Amino acid sequence: MAIRRSTAKRHGLPTIVQLRLTPAPAQAEALTAAVLLCNQAATVVSRLAWQHRVFTVVELHRLAYYPVRAQVAGLGAQAAVRAIARVAGAYANRRASKKRAHIFRPHGAVPYDARLLSWNRDARTVSLWTPTGRVAVPYTGRPEDLKAVDGLPMGEADLICRRGVWLLQVAVTLPKPQTREPVGGFVGVDQGVANLAVTSDRVVLPGPALAGPVGSNGHVRTLRERRHRQRRRLQKTGTAAARRVLRRLAGREHRMMTDLNHQISKHVVREAERTGRGIALEDLQGIRGRVRAHRFQRRTLHSWAFAQQIAFTRYKAARAGVAFVLVDPAYTSQACPECGCVARANRPARGRFVCTGCGLAGHADHIAARNIATRGAAGWAAVNQPHATGHPSARRDRESKPPASTGGS
């Protein structure tokens, strides 16, 4: 059985806090110049990398450092180093799918490391590099985010300008709690399009278990279809007024789905923590390439945030010390959790499960969630099972010793 455990850092859990910057007009102009310059430098490095087929950080640094400093006037040494690392990261996981050099948006987020920024926590200001010199910009945020910045180890930060609002998204490291043993078993969560999430406890999410304006999965689908039609109509109109409305609506659906995924993952983690169980989800990596769908269903399938829901559940479980595993999704909705019969005939309809072996019937998504929970418990036990021969080093020592002589002729 394929199973993957959470891969959080050994000494802490990385998370992101968001701060709002309040620069003066002259400071905002300097920050804008820095963003434009860094993205221009990243695009120059990206074209060099694509032209020479060089994508690792060290080799790309040797190739592009001096050319990018010469081509982009005003670019600092450390800003050039970060641009090179940024390009290497952009090509790291998507190199095979790229058909041309990656182009960075002029106003895209720009990473800042410890050499490009410094903090004055007493004055609540952050000093940021710009082509015309450093600017000390005041910052504010939620009390918990300010507390995290004041007391936790920090990594890189991303400088973002979103609709005229300057944001600084900072990576901080939370102390890692000890993962508790799931003595009560596992909560299985089946993800889907018709139902965002169904747990092995028969809870359909979103639904009555979640407070908020979105009451059901049907409501989610209706909202998404309505906004899709609205965007198409405005794009077809193409007037200045239509473009203004499109800018106002930009990101609304993404924010809704992000909020829903946060609510779903929070509910699942809270229930697992309350009942002493772990959490098991399907490993859906690469599902868009495996699943064949009708052309009318492709937009819905390919725009669904499966990975985001998994990521949110993973880091919330790590924060709470709840065991988290990803299991093989094969045949979870066609297998009977009672007798183990696996057959396509067990699914007479999309939402219906009737076992041809023992006659067990129920909702297909709930049956799948039960199978996921069972696989999670089995996988966790297999991963955490102590080795029969003790520590691996002791086993290697025994295997390396020659067999004892038994005498004889």
Protein backbone atom coordinates (compact mmCIF):
# COMPACT_ATOMS: atom_id res chain seq x y z
CA MET A 1 0.00 0.00 0.00
CA ALA A 2 1.41 3.38 -0.96
CA ILE A 3 1.48 5.70 2.00
CA ARG A 4 3.12 9.01 2.74
CA ARG A 5 3.51 10.70 6.08
CA SER A 6 3.69 14.39 6.81
CA THR A 7 7.06 15.90 5.89
CA ALA A 8 7.25 18.85 8.30
CA LYS A 9 10.64 20.11 9.37
CA ARG A 10 12.24 18.20 12.21
CA HIS A 11 12.78 21.16 14.52
CA GLY A 12 9.69 23.20 13.72
CA LEU A 13 6.70 23.81 11.51
CA PRO A 14 6.92 26.43 8.76
CA THR A 15 4.00 28.77 8.38
CA ILE A 16 3.26 32.15 6.83
CA VAL A 17 2.17 35.34 8.56
CA GLN A 18 1.01 38.38 6.63
CA LEU A 19 1.84 41.95 7.56
CA ARG A 20 0.45 45.12 6.03
CA LEU A 21 2.96 47.83 5.13
CA THR A 22 2.04 51.52 5.27
CA PRO A 23 4.72 53.27 3.18
CA ALA A 24 4.80 56.99 2.48
CA PRO A 25 4.27 57.97 -1.19
CA ALA A 26 8.03 58.27 -1.83
CA GLN A 27 8.63 54.90 -0.14
CA ALA A 28 5.86 53.29 -2.23
CA GLU A 29 7.56 54.53 -5.40
CA ALA A 30 10.87 53.05 -4.24
CA LEU A 31 9.20 49.70 -3.45
CA THR A 32 7.52 49.69 -6.86
CA ALA A 33 10.89 50.28 -8.52
CA ALA A 34 12.37 47.40 -6.52
CA VAL A 35 9.59 45.01 -7.57
CA LEU A 36 9.87 45.95 -11.24
CA LEU A 37 13.66 45.67 -11.17
CA CYS A 38 13.74 42.27 -9.43
CA ASN A 39 11.15 40.78 -11.78
CA GLN A 40 13.02 42.16 -14.79
CA ALA A 41 16.22 40.56 -13.48
CA ALA A 42 14.44 37.23 -12.92
CA THR A 43 13.15 37.25 -16.50
CA VAL A 44 16.67 37.97 -17.83
CA VAL A 45 18.09 35.08 -15.81
CA SER A 46 15.23 32.81 -16.91
CA ARG A 47 15.95 33.44 -20.59
CA LEU A 48 19.64 32.72 -20.06
CA ALA A 49 18.80 29.51 -18.20
CA TRP A 50 16.44 28.37 -20.95
CA GLN A 51 18.88 29.26 -23.71
CA HIS A 52 21.78 27.34 -22.13
CA ARG A 53 19.62 24.64 -20.51
CA VAL A 54 21.15 25.36 -17.11
CA PHE A 55 18.73 25.12 -14.18
CA THR A 56 20.65 24.28 -10.99
CA VAL A 57 21.41 27.14 -8.61
CA VAL A 58 25.21 26.82 -8.57
CA GLU A 59 25.65 26.47 -12.33
CA LEU A 60 23.07 29.16 -13.03
CA HIS A 61 24.85 31.53 -10.66
CA ARG A 62 28.12 31.03 -12.55
CA LEU A 63 26.34 31.60 -15.86
CA ALA A 64 24.04 34.53 -15.08
CA TYR A 65 25.37 36.59 -12.15
CA TYR A 66 27.60 39.00 -14.06
CA PRO A 67 25.39 39.24 -17.19
CA VAL A 68 22.28 40.13 -15.16
CA ARG A 69 24.18 42.72 -13.12
CA ALA A 70 25.37 44.28 -16.40
CA GLN A 71 21.97 44.21 -18.15
CA VAL A 72 19.78 45.40 -15.25
CA ALA A 73 21.03 48.76 -14.03
CA GLY A 74 20.69 49.38 -10.29
CA LEU A 75 20.37 45.69 -9.35
CA GLY A 76 22.18 44.95 -6.09
CA ALA A 77 24.41 41.94 -5.54
CA GLN A 78 22.08 40.15 -3.12
CA ALA A 79 19.04 41.00 -5.24
CA ALA A 80 20.78 39.30 -8.18
CA VAL A 81 21.51 36.25 -6.02
CA ARG A 82 17.84 35.99 -5.01
CA ALA A 83 16.71 36.40 -8.63
CA ILE A 84 18.93 33.47 -9.66
CA ALA A 85 17.61 31.27 -6.84
CA ARG A 86 14.07 32.26 -7.76
CA VAL A 87 14.55 31.18 -11.37
CA ALA A 88 16.07 27.86 -10.31
CA GLY A 89 13.07 27.25 -8.07
CA ALA A 90 10.64 28.11 -10.87
CA TYR A 91 12.17 25.46 -13.12
CA ALA A 92 12.72 22.85 -10.41
CA ASN A 93 9.34 21.09 -10.58
CA ARG A 94 7.93 22.20 -13.94
CA ARG A 95 10.90 21.92 -16.27
CA ALA A 96 9.49 18.98 -18.22
CA SER A 97 6.21 20.78 -18.93
CA LYS A 98 7.80 24.05 -20.02
CA LYS A 99 7.67 24.89 -23.73
CA ARG A 100 9.42 28.26 -23.51
CA ALA A 101 11.34 30.39 -21.05
CA HIS A 102 9.44 31.33 -17.91
CA ILE A 103 8.50 35.01 -17.85
CA PHE A 104 8.00 36.73 -14.49
CA ARG A 105 5.16 39.23 -14.19
CA PRO A 106 6.41 42.81 -13.71
CA HIS A 107 4.43 43.27 -10.49
CA GLY A 108 4.80 39.72 -9.16
CA ALA A 109 5.83 38.95 -5.58
CA VAL A 110 9.54 39.45 -4.85
CA PRO A 111 11.40 37.40 -2.19
CA TYR A 112 13.49 39.19 0.43
CA ASP A 113 15.98 37.38 2.66
CA ALA A 114 17.85 38.50 5.79
CA ARG A 115 20.38 40.47 3.73
CA LEU A 116 17.68 42.46 1.97
CA LEU A 117 15.57 43.36 5.01
CA SER A 118 15.98 43.98 8.73
CA TRP A 119 13.49 44.45 11.54
CA ASN A 120 12.99 47.08 14.21
CA ARG A 121 10.38 45.37 16.36
CA ASP A 122 10.22 48.14 18.97
CA ALA A 123 9.31 50.75 16.35
CA ARG A 124 7.27 48.24 14.29
CA THR A 125 9.21 49.04 11.12
CA VAL A 126 11.01 46.91 8.55
CA SER A 127 13.95 48.14 6.48
CA LEU A 128 13.70 46.98 2.85
CA TRP A 129 16.24 47.18 0.03
CA THR A 130 15.33 49.31 -2.99
CA PRO A 131 17.43 50.48 -5.97
CA THR A 132 17.65 53.96 -4.41
CA GLY A 133 18.57 52.79 -0.91
CA ARG A 134 16.89 51.24 2.09
CA VAL A 135 13.48 52.43 3.26
CA ALA A 136 12.12 51.89 6.79
CA VAL A 137 8.42 51.12 6.37
CA PRO A 138 5.93 50.79 9.26
CA TYR A 139 3.99 47.53 9.42
CA THR A 140 0.88 46.29 11.17
CA GLY A 141 -1.11 43.07 11.29
CA ARG A 142 -3.24 40.78 13.42
CA PRO A 143 -2.12 40.46 17.06
CA GLU A 144 -1.19 36.79 16.59
CA ASP A 145 0.88 37.61 13.48
CA LEU A 146 2.72 40.43 15.26
CA LYS A 147 3.42 38.11 18.17
CA ALA A 148 4.81 35.48 15.77
CA VAL A 149 7.11 38.02 14.12
CA ASP A 150 8.32 39.22 17.53
CA GLY A 151 9.13 35.84 19.02
CA LEU A 152 9.62 33.15 16.36
CA PRO A 153 12.51 32.36 13.98
CA MET A 154 11.90 33.95 10.59
CA GLY A 155 12.94 33.01 7.07
CA GLU A 156 12.31 34.66 3.73
CA ALA A 157 9.57 37.21 3.12
CA ASP A 158 7.63 37.99 -0.05
CA LEU A 159 6.94 41.64 -0.91
CA ILE A 160 3.56 41.95 -2.66
CA CYS A 161 1.54 44.89 -3.96
CA ARG A 162 -2.10 43.87 -4.25
CA ARG A 163 -4.47 46.55 -5.57
CA GLY A 164 -2.35 49.32 -4.16
CA VAL A 165 -1.93 47.63 -0.75
CA TRP A 166 1.61 46.59 0.20
CA LEU A 167 1.91 43.27 2.00
CA LEU A 168 4.83 41.35 3.45
CA GLN A 169 4.29 37.60 3.78
CA VAL A 170 6.88 36.26 6.21
CA ALA A 171 7.84 32.61 6.74
CA VAL A 172 8.12 31.79 10.45
CA THR A 173 8.90 28.51 12.20
CA LEU A 174 6.52 27.30 14.89
CA PRO A 175 7.68 24.90 17.61
CA LYS A 176 6.79 21.38 16.57
CA PRO A 177 4.57 19.45 19.00
CA GLN A 178 4.97 15.73 19.51
CA THR A 179 2.70 13.69 17.24
CA ARG A 180 0.33 11.66 19.36
CA GLU A 181 -0.39 8.03 18.64
CA PRO A 182 -3.85 7.67 17.04
CA VAL A 183 -5.32 5.34 19.66
CA GLY A 184 -8.86 5.83 18.34
CA GLY A 185 -8.10 4.96 14.73
CA PHE A 186 -8.28 7.39 11.82
CA VAL A 187 -10.74 9.86 10.35
CA GLY A 188 -10.99 9.15 6.63
CA VAL A 189 -11.81 12.06 4.31
CA ASP A 190 -12.98 11.50 0.75
CA GLN A 191 -12.54 14.50 -1.56
CA GLY A 192 -14.64 15.01 -4.64
CA VAL A 193 -16.38 17.42 -6.98
CA ALA A 194 -20.00 16.61 -6.14
CA ASN A 195 -19.08 16.74 -2.45
CA LEU A 196 -16.02 18.70 -1.39
CA ALA A 197 -15.31 16.41 1.55
CA VAL A 198 -17.12 13.52 3.23
CA THR A 199 -15.69 12.02 6.43
CA SER A 200 -15.94 8.49 7.73
CA ASP A 201 -18.21 9.92 10.45
CA ARG A 202 -20.89 10.61 7.76
CA VAL A 203 -20.27 14.37 7.87
CA VAL A 204 -20.60 16.16 4.51
CA LEU A 205 -18.52 19.34 4.28
CA PRO A 206 -19.46 22.10 3.75
CA GLY A 207 -22.80 21.56 5.41
CA PRO A 208 -24.55 22.11 8.73
CA ALA A 209 -21.31 21.31 10.58
CA LEU A 210 -19.72 24.52 9.22
CA ALA A 211 -21.04 27.94 10.05
CA GLY A 212 -21.04 30.46 7.24
CA PRO A 213 -22.92 31.76 4.20
CA VAL A 214 -22.08 28.71 2.05
CA GLY A 215 -24.47 26.04 3.21
CA SER A 216 -23.84 23.06 0.94
CA ASN A 217 -21.83 21.69 -1.96
CA GLY A 218 -24.71 22.50 -4.30
CA HIS A 219 -24.46 26.10 -3.17
CA VAL A 220 -20.70 26.08 -3.96
CA ARG A 221 -21.26 24.72 -7.46
CA THR A 222 -24.04 27.24 -8.12
CA LEU A 223 -21.86 30.17 -7.07
CA ARG A 224 -18.94 29.00 -9.18
CA GLU A 225 -21.09 28.48 -12.27
CA ARG A 226 -22.73 31.88 -11.84
CA ARG A 227 -19.38 33.63 -11.55
CA HIS A 228 -17.99 31.72 -14.53
CA ARG A 229 -20.91 32.89 -16.68
CA GLN A 230 -20.48 36.44 -15.38
CA ARG A 231 -16.77 36.48 -16.27
CA ARG A 232 -17.44 35.14 -19.76
CA ARG A 233 -20.13 37.75 -20.37
CA LEU A 234 -17.90 40.62 -19.19
CA GLN A 235 -14.91 39.38 -21.18
CA LYS A 236 -17.06 39.17 -24.30
CA THR A 237 -18.32 42.72 -23.75
CA GLY A 238 -14.78 44.08 -23.47
CA THR A 239 -15.70 47.66 -22.58
CA ALA A 240 -13.87 49.79 -20.03
CA ALA A 241 -16.72 49.38 -17.58
CA ALA A 242 -16.66 45.60 -18.04
CA ARG A 243 -12.92 45.54 -17.38
CA ARG A 244 -13.44 47.56 -14.19
CA VAL A 245 -16.00 45.02 -12.99
CA LEU A 246 -13.63 42.16 -13.85
CA ARG A 247 -10.89 43.78 -11.78
CA ARG A 248 -13.29 44.16 -8.88
CA LEU A 249 -14.36 40.51 -9.13
CA ALA A 250 -10.80 39.20 -9.57
CA GLY A 251 -9.87 36.65 -6.91
CA ARG A 252 -13.34 36.45 -5.35
CA GLU A 253 -13.86 32.78 -6.21
CA HIS A 254 -10.31 31.91 -5.15
CA ARG A 255 -10.85 33.57 -1.78
CA MET A 256 -14.14 31.72 -1.32
CA MET A 257 -12.54 28.32 -2.04
CA THR A 258 -9.56 29.10 0.20
CA ASP A 259 -11.91 30.02 3.04
CA LEU A 260 -13.93 26.82 2.54
CA ASN A 261 -10.81 24.67 2.53
CA HIS A 262 -9.66 26.34 5.75
CA GLN A 263 -13.05 25.62 7.36
CA ILE A 264 -13.06 22.00 6.20
CA SER A 265 -9.50 21.27 7.32
CA LYS A 266 -10.09 23.00 10.67
CA HIS A 267 -13.21 20.90 11.32
CA VAL A 268 -11.47 17.62 10.42
CA VAL A 269 -8.42 18.36 12.59
CA ARG A 270 -10.58 19.48 15.51
CA GLU A 271 -12.63 16.25 15.38
CA ALA A 272 -9.52 14.09 15.12
CA GLU A 273 -7.91 15.90 18.06
CA ARG A 274 -11.06 15.63 20.17
CA THR A 275 -11.47 11.88 19.59
CA GLY A 276 -7.78 10.92 19.73
CA ARG A 277 -7.64 9.80 16.11
CA GLY A 278 -5.40 10.49 13.13
CA ILE A 279 -6.35 11.85 9.71
CA ALA A 280 -6.14 9.94 6.42
CA LEU A 281 -6.61 11.53 2.99
CA GLU A 282 -6.13 10.22 -0.51
CA ASP A 283 -2.85 10.97 -2.27
CA LEU A 284 -4.33 12.75 -5.30
CA GLN A 285 -1.05 13.91 -6.81
CA GLY A 286 -1.29 13.75 -10.60
CA ILE A 287 -5.05 13.12 -10.62
CA ARG A 288 -5.65 15.69 -13.37
CA GLY A 289 -3.43 13.73 -15.70
CA ARG A 290 -5.00 10.38 -14.84
CA VAL A 291 -8.71 11.18 -14.86
CA ARG A 292 -10.58 11.33 -18.15
CA ALA A 293 -13.50 13.72 -18.13
CA HIS A 294 -16.01 15.06 -20.61
CA ARG A 295 -15.06 18.45 -22.01
CA PHE A 296 -17.95 20.07 -20.14
CA GLN A 297 -16.54 18.73 -16.84
CA ARG A 298 -12.86 19.56 -17.41
CA ARG A 299 -13.05 23.12 -16.15
CA THR A 300 -14.71 21.98 -12.91
CA LEU A 301 -12.23 19.15 -12.38
CA HIS A 302 -9.08 21.08 -13.21
CA SER A 303 -10.00 24.11 -11.12
CA TRP A 304 -10.82 22.19 -7.94
CA ALA A 305 -8.44 22.82 -5.03
CA PHE A 306 -7.60 19.25 -3.98
CA ALA A 307 -3.96 20.02 -3.19
CA GLN A 308 -4.83 23.10 -1.16
CA GLN A 309 -7.23 21.16 1.05
CA ILE A 310 -4.57 18.50 1.65
CA ALA A 311 -1.93 21.13 2.44
CA PHE A 312 -4.20 22.96 4.88
CA THR A 313 -5.14 19.72 6.66
CA ARG A 314 -1.50 18.62 6.84
CA TYR A 315 -0.14 21.74 8.50
CA LYS A 316 -3.09 22.11 10.88
CA ALA A 317 -2.67 18.47 11.93
CA ALA A 318 1.06 19.03 12.51
CA ARG A 319 0.31 22.07 14.67
CA ALA A 320 -2.12 20.05 16.79
CA GLY A 321 0.12 16.96 17.03
CA VAL A 322 -2.39 14.83 15.10
CA ALA A 323 -1.14 11.93 12.98
CA PHE A 324 -1.57 12.56 9.25
CA VAL A 325 -1.13 10.13 6.34
CA LEU A 326 -1.84 10.03 2.61
CA VAL A 327 -3.06 6.70 1.24
CA ASP A 328 -3.39 5.09 -2.16
CA PRO A 329 -6.71 6.25 -3.71
CA ALA A 330 -7.13 3.20 -5.96
CA TYR A 331 -10.59 1.62 -5.76
CA THR A 332 -11.56 3.36 -2.51
CA SER A 333 -15.08 3.96 -3.87
CA GLN A 334 -15.44 0.45 -5.39
CA ALA A 335 -14.22 -1.63 -2.41
CA CYS A 336 -16.52 -2.91 0.31
CA PRO A 337 -15.23 -2.06 3.81
CA GLU A 338 -16.97 -5.12 5.27
CA CYS A 339 -16.11 -8.04 2.99
CA GLY A 340 -13.36 -6.51 0.84
CA CYS A 341 -15.14 -7.14 -2.48
CA VAL A 342 -13.81 -4.82 -5.21
CA ALA A 343 -15.93 -4.45 -8.33
CA ARG A 344 -17.11 -1.70 -10.63
CA ALA A 345 -20.62 -3.13 -10.26
CA ASN A 346 -20.56 -2.03 -6.62
CA ARG A 347 -21.26 1.51 -7.91
CA PRO A 348 -24.64 1.31 -9.70
CA ALA A 349 -24.87 5.14 -9.59
CA ARG A 350 -22.54 8.03 -8.86
CA GLY A 351 -23.60 8.49 -5.26
CA ARG A 352 -24.75 4.96 -4.54
CA PHE A 353 -22.77 1.93 -3.28
CA VAL A 354 -24.22 -1.59 -3.15
CA CYS A 355 -21.79 -4.46 -2.54
CA THR A 356 -22.37 -7.39 -4.89
CA GLY A 357 -20.78 -9.71 -2.33
CA CYS A 358 -22.38 -9.01 1.04
CA GLY A 359 -25.08 -6.52 0.09
CA LEU A 360 -23.74 -3.58 2.11
CA ALA A 361 -25.34 -0.36 0.83
CA GLY A 362 -24.67 3.28 1.50
CA HIS A 363 -23.50 6.58 0.08
CA ALA A 364 -20.48 6.03 -2.16
CA ASP A 365 -18.47 8.91 -0.71
CA HIS A 366 -19.02 7.70 2.85
CA ILE A 367 -17.96 4.18 1.88
CA ALA A 368 -14.82 5.63 0.27
CA ALA A 369 -14.08 7.60 3.45
CA ARG A 370 -14.36 4.41 5.52
CA ASN A 371 -11.92 2.66 3.20
CA ILE A 372 -9.52 5.61 3.45
CA ALA A 373 -9.69 5.47 7.25
CA THR A 374 -8.93 1.73 7.21
CA ARG A 375 -5.97 2.21 4.86
CA GLY A 376 -4.69 5.05 7.02
CA ALA A 377 -4.69 2.87 10.14
CA ALA A 378 -2.98 0.00 8.30
CA GLY A 379 -0.40 2.29 6.76
CA TRP A 380 0.38 4.02 10.04
CA ALA A 381 0.87 0.68 11.77
CA ALA A 382 3.18 -0.51 9.00
CA VAL A 383 5.28 2.64 9.07
CA ASN A 384 5.60 2.69 12.88
CA GLN A 385 6.09 -1.06 13.40
CA PRO A 386 9.36 -1.76 15.28
CA HIS A 387 11.87 -3.88 13.38
CA ALA A 388 11.98 -7.50 14.48
CA THR A 389 15.77 -7.53 14.75
CA GLY A 390 16.04 -4.28 16.68
CA HIS A 391 18.02 -1.26 15.57
CA PRO A 392 19.15 -1.34 11.91
CA SER A 393 22.80 -0.82 12.90
CA ALA A 394 22.70 -3.87 15.17
CA ARG A 395 21.19 -5.92 12.35
CA ARG A 396 23.96 -4.83 9.97
CA ASP A 397 26.58 -5.82 12.54
CA ARG A 398 25.06 -9.28 12.90
CA GLU A 399 24.83 -9.72 9.13
CA SER A 400 28.48 -8.71 8.67
CA LYS A 401 29.80 -11.28 11.18
CA PRO A 402 30.88 -14.68 9.78
CA PRO A 403 28.86 -17.68 10.92
CA ALA A 404 30.23 -19.48 13.96
CA SER A 405 32.04 -22.76 13.35
CA THR A 406 30.18 -25.90 14.39
CA GLY A 407 33.20 -28.20 14.26
CA GLY A 408 33.03 -31.58 12.54
CA SER A 409 35.24 -33.01 9.82
